[in-house]
């Protein structure tokens, strides 16, 4: 759910700034957001089979988001 909310928020911010802005160019390749959505979907499916796999996926997604996004820092410095 958090990844979907982040994706919607990101799209709203990018619409506000325009597609040609520095922010839009820095956010073009959002691999972390797309992988998060895929991992959450896989966790939901795996919860039916083995709960520990689902838990591991949720924990790994949360851990990945502790790593700062260098693209945003680079865009803010310019």
PDB file of N, CA and C in Angstrom:
ATOM      1  N   UNK A   1       0.816  -1.189   0.000  1.00  0.00           N
ATOM      2  CA  UNK A   1       0.000   0.000   0.000  1.00  0.00           C
ATOM      3  C   UNK A   1       0.869   1.267   0.000  1.00  0.00           C
ATOM      4  N   UNK A   2       1.956   1.210   0.764  1.00  0.00           N
ATOM      5  CA  UNK A   2       2.824   2.384   0.849  1.00  0.00           C
ATOM      6  C   UNK A   2       3.473   2.679  -0.497  1.00  0.00           C
ATOM      7  N   UNK A   3       3.846   1.639  -1.231  1.00  0.00           N
ATOM      8  CA  UNK A   3       4.481   1.839  -2.540  1.00  0.00           C
ATOM      9  C   UNK A   3       3.496   2.447  -3.534  1.00  0.00           C
ATOM     10  N   UNK A   4       2.254   2.039  -3.471  1.00  0.00           N
ATOM     11  CA  UNK A   4       1.235   2.606  -4.358  1.00  0.00           C
ATOM     12  C   UNK A   4       0.991   4.070  -4.014  1.00  0.00           C
ATOM     13  N   UNK A   5       0.918   4.374  -2.718  1.00  0.00           N
ATOM     14  CA  UNK A   5       0.728   5.757  -2.287  1.00  0.00           C
ATOM     15  C   UNK A   5       1.917   6.620  -2.708  1.00  0.00           C
ATOM     16  N   UNK A   6       3.128   6.076  -2.575  1.00  0.00           N
ATOM     17  CA  UNK A   6       4.331   6.817  -2.992  1.00  0.00           C
ATOM     18  C   UNK A   6       4.298   7.089  -4.491  1.00  0.00           C
ATOM     19  N   UNK A   7       3.916   6.096  -5.267  1.00  0.00           N
ATOM     20  CA  UNK A   7       3.858   6.265  -6.718  1.00  0.00           C
ATOM     21  C   UNK A   7       2.835   7.330  -7.112  1.00  0.00           C
ATOM     22  N   UNK A   8       1.677   7.320  -6.468  1.00  0.00           N
ATOM     23  CA  UNK A   8       0.654   8.333  -6.758  1.00  0.00           C
ATOM     24  C   UNK A   8       1.129   9.732  -6.349  1.00  0.00           C
ATOM     25  N   UNK A   9       1.769   9.836  -5.189  1.00  0.00           N
ATOM     26  CA  UNK A   9       2.303  11.115  -4.749  1.00  0.00           C
ATOM     27  C   UNK A   9       3.386  11.620  -5.690  1.00  0.00           C
ATOM     28  N   UNK A  10       4.251  10.723  -6.128  1.00  0.00           N
ATOM     29  CA  UNK A  10       5.311  11.086  -7.058  1.00  0.00           C
ATOM     30  C   UNK A  10       4.722  11.602  -8.372  1.00  0.00           C
ATOM     31  N   UNK A  11       3.710  10.953  -8.880  1.00  0.00           N
ATOM     32  CA  UNK A  11       3.082  11.399 -10.129  1.00  0.00           C
ATOM     33  C   UNK A  11       2.413  12.766  -9.964  1.00  0.00           C
ATOM     34  N   UNK A  12       1.793  12.992  -8.810  1.00  0.00           N
ATOM     35  CA  UNK A  12       1.155  14.287  -8.567  1.00  0.00           C
ATOM     36  C   UNK A  12       2.193  15.403  -8.501  1.00  0.00           C
ATOM     37  N   UNK A  13       3.308  15.139  -7.848  1.00  0.00           N
ATOM     38  CA  UNK A  13       4.374  16.146  -7.761  1.00  0.00           C
ATOM     39  C   UNK A  13       4.968  16.409  -9.126  1.00  0.00           C
ATOM     40  N   UNK A  14       5.185  15.364  -9.907  1.00  0.00           N
ATOM     41  CA  UNK A  14       5.757  15.542 -11.239  1.00  0.00           C
ATOM     42  C   UNK A  14       4.798  16.287 -12.163  1.00  0.00           C
ATOM     43  N   UNK A  15       3.507  16.073 -12.015  1.00  0.00           N
ATOM     44  CA  UNK A  15       2.533  16.821 -12.813  1.00  0.00           C
ATOM     45  C   UNK A  15       2.570  18.306 -12.456  1.00  0.00           C
ATOM     46  N   UNK A  16       2.795  18.588 -11.198  1.00  0.00           N
ATOM     47  CA  UNK A  16       2.865  19.978 -10.737  1.00  0.00           C
ATOM     48  C   UNK A  16       4.106  20.693 -11.292  1.00  0.00           C
ATOM     49  N   UNK A  17       5.232  19.984 -11.359  1.00  0.00           N
ATOM     50  CA  UNK A  17       6.479  20.589 -11.806  1.00  0.00           C
ATOM     51  C   UNK A  17       6.668  20.520 -13.317  1.00  0.00           C
ATOM     52  N   UNK A  18       5.981  19.635 -13.972  1.00  0.00           N
ATOM     53  CA  UNK A  18       6.108  19.500 -15.419  1.00  0.00           C
ATOM     54  C   UNK A  18       7.080  18.399 -15.790  1.00  0.00           C
ATOM     55  N   UNK A  19       6.932  17.885 -17.002  1.00  0.00           N
ATOM     56  CA  UNK A  19       7.745  16.753 -17.430  1.00  0.00           C
ATOM     57  C   UNK A  19       9.169  17.152 -17.806  1.00  0.00           C
ATOM     58  N   UNK A  20       9.412  18.405 -18.050  1.00  0.00           N
ATOM     59  CA  UNK A  20      10.755  18.839 -18.436  1.00  0.00           C
ATOM     60  C   UNK A  20      11.587  19.364 -17.286  1.00  0.00           C
ATOM     61  N   UNK A  21      11.082  19.306 -16.074  1.00  0.00           N
ATOM     62  CA  UNK A  21      11.807  19.855 -14.928  1.00  0.00           C
ATOM     63  C   UNK A  21      12.973  18.952 -14.523  1.00  0.00           C
ATOM     64  N   UNK A  22      13.886  19.519 -13.734  1.00  0.00           N
ATOM     65  CA  UNK A  22      15.017  18.733 -13.225  1.00  0.00           C
ATOM     66  C   UNK A  22      14.518  17.588 -12.354  1.00  0.00           C
ATOM     67  N   UNK A  23      13.487  17.847 -11.585  1.00  0.00           N
ATOM     68  CA  UNK A  23      12.927  16.813 -10.720  1.00  0.00           C
ATOM     69  C   UNK A  23      12.371  15.656 -11.547  1.00  0.00           C
ATOM     70  N   UNK A  24      11.660  15.977 -12.611  1.00  0.00           N
ATOM     71  CA  UNK A  24      11.090  14.931 -13.471  1.00  0.00           C
ATOM     72  C   UNK A  24      12.186  14.102 -14.123  1.00  0.00           C
ATOM     73  N   UNK A  25      13.246  14.758 -14.566  1.00  0.00           N
ATOM     74  CA  UNK A  25      14.345  14.024 -15.195  1.00  0.00           C
ATOM     75  C   UNK A  25      15.076  13.142 -14.194  1.00  0.00           C
ATOM     76  N   UNK A  26      15.176  13.597 -12.948  1.00  0.00           N
ATOM     77  CA  UNK A  26      15.861  12.780 -11.949  1.00  0.00           C
ATOM     78  C   UNK A  26      15.009  11.597 -11.493  1.00  0.00           C
ATOM     79  N   UNK A  27      13.705  11.679 -11.664  1.00  0.00           N
ATOM     80  CA  UNK A  27      12.813  10.612 -11.224  1.00  0.00           C
ATOM     81  C   UNK A  27      12.342   9.704 -12.356  1.00  0.00           C
ATOM     82  N   UNK A  28      12.950   9.821 -13.526  1.00  0.00           N
ATOM     83  CA  UNK A  28      12.519   9.024 -14.674  1.00  0.00           C
ATOM     84  C   UNK A  28      12.600   7.522 -14.412  1.00  0.00           C
ATOM     85  N   UNK A  29      13.709   7.080 -13.873  1.00  0.00           N
ATOM     86  CA  UNK A  29      13.934   5.647 -13.685  1.00  0.00           C
ATOM     87  C   UNK A  29      13.774   5.313 -12.207  1.00  0.00           C
ATOM     88  N   UNK A  30      12.544   5.090 -11.801  1.00  0.00           N
ATOM     89  CA  UNK A  30      12.238   4.826 -10.402  1.00  0.00           C
ATOM     90  C   UNK A  30      12.193   3.324 -10.156  1.00  0.00           C
ATOM     91  N   UNK A  31      13.347   2.708 -10.149  1.00  0.00           N
ATOM     92  CA  UNK A  31      13.431   1.267  -9.988  1.00  0.00           C
ATOM     93  C   UNK A  31      12.984   0.834  -8.594  1.00  0.00           C
ATOM     94  N   UNK A  32      13.356   1.618  -7.584  1.00  0.00           N
ATOM     95  CA  UNK A  32      13.011   1.255  -6.206  1.00  0.00           C
ATOM     96  C   UNK A  32      11.491   1.252  -6.000  1.00  0.00           C
ATOM     97  N   UNK A  33      10.792   2.210  -6.552  1.00  0.00           N
ATOM     98  CA  UNK A  33       9.340   2.262  -6.416  1.00  0.00           C
ATOM     99  C   UNK A  33       8.653   1.116  -7.135  1.00  0.00           C
ATOM    100  N   UNK A  34       9.127   0.801  -8.336  1.00  0.00           N
ATOM    101  CA  UNK A  34       8.517  -0.291  -9.104  1.00  0.00           C
ATOM    102  C   UNK A  34       8.789  -1.649  -8.461  1.00  0.00           C
ATOM    103  N   UNK A  35      10.014  -1.832  -7.956  1.00  0.00           N
ATOM    104  CA  UNK A  35      10.330  -3.087  -7.287  1.00  0.00           C
ATOM    105  C   UNK A  35       9.544  -3.237  -5.982  1.00  0.00           C
ATOM    106  N   UNK A  36       9.283  -2.122  -5.326  1.00  0.00           N
ATOM    107  CA  UNK A  36       8.509  -2.178  -4.090  1.00  0.00           C
ATOM    108  C   UNK A  36       7.093  -2.656  -4.346  1.00  0.00           C
ATOM    109  N   UNK A  37       6.481  -2.137  -5.385  1.00  0.00           N
ATOM    110  CA  UNK A  37       5.126  -2.573  -5.732  1.00  0.00           C
ATOM    111  C   UNK A  37       5.115  -4.060  -6.081  1.00  0.00           C
ATOM    112  N   UNK A  38       6.107  -4.498  -6.846  1.00  0.00           N
ATOM    113  CA  UNK A  38       6.188  -5.917  -7.215  1.00  0.00           C
ATOM    114  C   UNK A  38       6.421  -6.795  -5.984  1.00  0.00           C
ATOM    115  N   UNK A  39       7.271  -6.340  -5.069  1.00  0.00           N
ATOM    116  CA  UNK A  39       7.548  -7.119  -3.862  1.00  0.00           C
ATOM    117  C   UNK A  39       6.319  -7.189  -2.960  1.00  0.00           C
ATOM    118  N   UNK A  40       5.589  -6.089  -2.851  1.00  0.00           N
ATOM    119  CA  UNK A  40       4.358  -6.108  -2.056  1.00  0.00           C
ATOM    120  C   UNK A  40       3.332  -7.067  -2.664  1.00  0.00           C
ATOM    121  N   UNK A  41       3.203  -7.058  -3.980  1.00  0.00           N
ATOM    122  CA  UNK A  41       2.265  -7.978  -4.635  1.00  0.00           C
ATOM    123  C   UNK A  41       2.693  -9.427  -4.417  1.00  0.00           C
ATOM    124  N   UNK A  42       3.994  -9.683  -4.527  1.00  0.00           N
ATOM    125  CA  UNK A  42       4.493 -11.037  -4.289  1.00  0.00           C
ATOM    126  C   UNK A  42       4.288 -11.450  -2.836  1.00  0.00           C
ATOM    127  N   UNK A  43       4.443 -10.501  -1.907  1.00  0.00           N
ATOM    128  CA  UNK A  43       4.247 -10.804  -0.488  1.00  0.00           C
ATOM    129  C   UNK A  43       2.795 -11.177  -0.198  1.00  0.00           C
ATOM    130  N   UNK A  44       1.883 -10.505  -0.849  1.00  0.00           N
ATOM    131  CA  UNK A  44       0.469 -10.831  -0.657  1.00  0.00           C
ATOM    132  C   UNK A  44       0.173 -12.240  -1.162  1.00  0.00           C
ATOM    133  N   UNK A  45       0.734 -12.585  -2.309  1.00  0.00           N
ATOM    134  CA  UNK A  45       0.522 -13.929  -2.854  1.00  0.00           C
ATOM    135  C   UNK A  45       1.217 -14.988  -2.001  1.00  0.00           C
ATOM    136  N   UNK A  46       2.423 -14.685  -1.530  1.00  0.00           N
ATOM    137  CA  UNK A  46       3.174 -15.650  -0.724  1.00  0.00           C
ATOM    138  C   UNK A  46       2.567 -15.850   0.662  1.00  0.00           C
ATOM    139  N   UNK A  47       1.809 -14.899   1.129  1.00  0.00           N
ATOM    140  CA  UNK A  47       1.188 -15.027   2.447  1.00  0.00           C
ATOM    141  C   UNK A  47       0.233 -16.214   2.491  1.00  0.00           C
ATOM    142  N   UNK A  48      -0.310 -16.587   1.353  1.00  0.00           N
ATOM    143  CA  UNK A  48      -1.209 -17.730   1.292  1.00  0.00           C
ATOM    144  C   UNK A  48      -0.457 -19.054   1.409  1.00  0.00           C
ATOM    145  N   UNK A  49       0.828 -19.019   1.033  1.00  0.00           N
ATOM    146  CA  UNK A  49       1.635 -20.243   1.020  1.00  0.00           C
ATOM    147  C   UNK A  49       2.468 -20.356   2.289  1.00  0.00           C
ATOM    148  N   UNK A  50       3.389 -19.397   2.471  1.00  0.00           N
ATOM    149  CA  UNK A  50       4.282 -19.373   3.635  1.00  0.00           C
ATOM    150  C   UNK A  50       4.374 -17.951   4.158  1.00  0.00           C
ATOM    151  N   UNK A  51       4.007 -17.769   5.395  1.00  0.00           N
ATOM    152  CA  UNK A  51       3.988 -16.421   5.969  1.00  0.00           C
ATOM    153  C   UNK A  51       5.387 -15.850   6.114  1.00  0.00           C
ATOM    154  N   UNK A  52       6.390 -16.668   6.383  1.00  0.00           N
ATOM    155  CA  UNK A  52       7.734 -16.145   6.594  1.00  0.00           C
ATOM    156  C   UNK A  52       8.299 -15.525   5.317  1.00  0.00           C
ATOM    157  N   UNK A  53       7.922 -16.038   4.161  1.00  0.00           N
ATOM    158  CA  UNK A  53       8.370 -15.438   2.896  1.00  0.00           C
ATOM    159  C   UNK A  53       7.748 -14.050   2.745  1.00  0.00           C
ATOM    160  N   UNK A  54       6.486 -13.962   3.056  1.00  0.00           N
ATOM    161  CA  UNK A  54       5.789 -12.683   3.000  1.00  0.00           C
ATOM    162  C   UNK A  54       6.417 -11.680   3.965  1.00  0.00           C
ATOM    163  N   UNK A  55       6.693 -12.116   5.178  1.00  0.00           N
ATOM    164  CA  UNK A  55       7.330 -11.243   6.168  1.00  0.00           C
ATOM    165  C   UNK A  55       8.702 -10.771   5.692  1.00  0.00           C
ATOM    166  N   UNK A  56       9.469 -11.681   5.109  1.00  0.00           N
ATOM    167  CA  UNK A  56      10.804 -11.327   4.608  1.00  0.00           C
ATOM    168  C   UNK A  56      10.716 -10.287   3.495  1.00  0.00           C
ATOM    169  N   UNK A  57       9.731 -10.406   2.623  1.00  0.00           N
ATOM    170  CA  UNK A  57       9.561  -9.429   1.550  1.00  0.00           C
ATOM    171  C   UNK A  57       9.190  -8.060   2.103  1.00  0.00           C
ATOM    172  N   UNK A  58       8.280  -8.024   3.075  1.00  0.00           N
ATOM    173  CA  UNK A  58       7.897  -6.745   3.687  1.00  0.00           C
ATOM    174  C   UNK A  58       9.086  -6.088   4.382  1.00  0.00           C
ATOM    175  N   UNK A  59       9.860  -6.874   5.095  1.00  0.00           N
ATOM    176  CA  UNK A  59      11.026  -6.336   5.802  1.00  0.00           C
ATOM    177  C   UNK A  59      12.077  -5.847   4.817  1.00  0.00           C
ATOM    178  N   UNK A  60      12.280  -6.572   3.723  1.00  0.00           N
ATOM    179  CA  UNK A  60      13.284  -6.149   2.745  1.00  0.00           C
ATOM    180  C   UNK A  60      12.884  -4.850   2.052  1.00  0.00           C
ATOM    181  N   UNK A  61      11.604  -4.675   1.758  1.00  0.00           N
ATOM    182  CA  UNK A  61      11.153  -3.427   1.146  1.00  0.00           C
ATOM    183  C   UNK A  61      11.336  -2.264   2.115  1.00  0.00           C
ATOM    184  N   UNK A  62      10.980  -2.476   3.366  1.00  0.00           N
ATOM    185  CA  UNK A  62      11.150  -1.411   4.358  1.00  0.00           C
ATOM    186  C   UNK A  62      12.617  -1.053   4.534  1.00  0.00           C
ATOM    187  N   UNK A  63      13.490  -2.034   4.501  1.00  0.00           N
ATOM    188  CA  UNK A  63      14.920  -1.793   4.649  1.00  0.00           C
ATOM    189  C   UNK A  63      15.473  -1.013   3.468  1.00  0.00           C
ATOM    190  N   UNK A  64      15.027  -1.337   2.281  1.00  0.00           N
ATOM    191  CA  UNK A  64      15.511  -0.636   1.075  1.00  0.00           C
ATOM    192  C   UNK A  64      15.177   0.853   1.139  1.00  0.00           C
ATOM    193  N   UNK A  65      14.035   1.200   1.718  1.00  0.00           N
ATOM    194  CA  UNK A  65      13.624   2.595   1.751  1.00  0.00           C
ATOM    195  C   UNK A  65      14.393   3.426   2.771  1.00  0.00           C
ATOM    196  N   UNK A  66      15.193   2.785   3.615  1.00  0.00           N
ATOM    197  CA  UNK A  66      16.057   3.543   4.516  1.00  0.00           C
ATOM    198  C   UNK A  66      17.258   4.129   3.780  1.00  0.00           C
ATOM    199  N   UNK A  67      17.571   3.586   2.616  1.00  0.00           N
ATOM    200  CA  UNK A  67      18.685   4.080   1.809  1.00  0.00           C
ATOM    201  C   UNK A  67      18.215   5.347   1.089  1.00  0.00           C
ATOM    202  N   UNK A  68      18.923   6.473   1.283  1.00  0.00           N
ATOM    203  CA  UNK A  68      18.499   7.725   0.639  1.00  0.00           C
ATOM    204  C   UNK A  68      18.553   7.630  -0.887  1.00  0.00           C
ATOM    205  N   UNK A  69      17.679   8.359  -1.515  1.00  0.00           N
ATOM    206  CA  UNK A  69      17.608   8.381  -2.971  1.00  0.00           C
ATOM    207  C   UNK A  69      18.572   9.448  -3.490  1.00  0.00           C
ATOM    208  N   UNK A  70      19.656   9.032  -4.112  1.00  0.00           N
ATOM    209  CA  UNK A  70      20.701   9.954  -4.570  1.00  0.00           C
ATOM    210  C   UNK A  70      20.220  10.849  -5.709  1.00  0.00           C
ATOM    211  N   UNK A  71      19.242  10.398  -6.456  1.00  0.00           N
ATOM    212  CA  UNK A  71      18.741  11.213  -7.572  1.00  0.00           C
ATOM    213  C   UNK A  71      18.122  12.498  -7.070  1.00  0.00           C
ATOM    214  N   UNK A  72      17.375  12.427  -5.978  1.00  0.00           N
ATOM    215  CA  UNK A  72      16.740  13.628  -5.440  1.00  0.00           C
ATOM    216  C   UNK A  72      17.764  14.589  -4.870  1.00  0.00           C
ATOM    217  N   UNK A  73      18.783  14.070  -4.217  1.00  0.00           N
ATOM    218  CA  UNK A  73      19.824  14.932  -3.669  1.00  0.00           C
ATOM    219  C   UNK A  73      20.591  15.635  -4.785  1.00  0.00           C
ATOM    220  N   UNK A  74      20.862  14.911  -5.856  1.00  0.00           N
ATOM    221  CA  UNK A  74      21.572  15.509  -6.992  1.00  0.00           C
ATOM    222  C   UNK A  74      20.717  16.585  -7.661  1.00  0.00           C
ATOM    223  N   UNK A  75      19.424  16.353  -7.783  1.00  0.00           N
ATOM    224  CA  UNK A  75      18.542  17.336  -8.404  1.00  0.00           C
ATOM    225  C   UNK A  75      18.394  18.575  -7.531  1.00  0.00           C
ATOM    226  N   UNK A  76      18.436  18.399  -6.224  1.00  0.00           N
ATOM    227  CA  UNK A  76      18.291  19.534  -5.302  1.00  0.00           C
ATOM    228  C   UNK A  76      19.545  20.412  -5.307  1.00  0.00           C
ATOM    229  N   UNK A  77      20.696  19.825  -5.560  1.00  0.00           N
ATOM    230  CA  UNK A  77      21.954  20.585  -5.573  1.00  0.00           C
ATOM    231  C   UNK A  77      22.091  21.451  -6.821  1.00  0.00           C
ATOM    232  N   UNK A  78      21.476  21.032  -7.904  1.00  0.00           N
ATOM    233  CA  UNK A  78      21.625  21.761  -9.187  1.00  0.00           C
ATOM    234  C   UNK A  78      20.906  23.079  -9.167  1.00  0.00           C
TER     235      UNK A  78
END
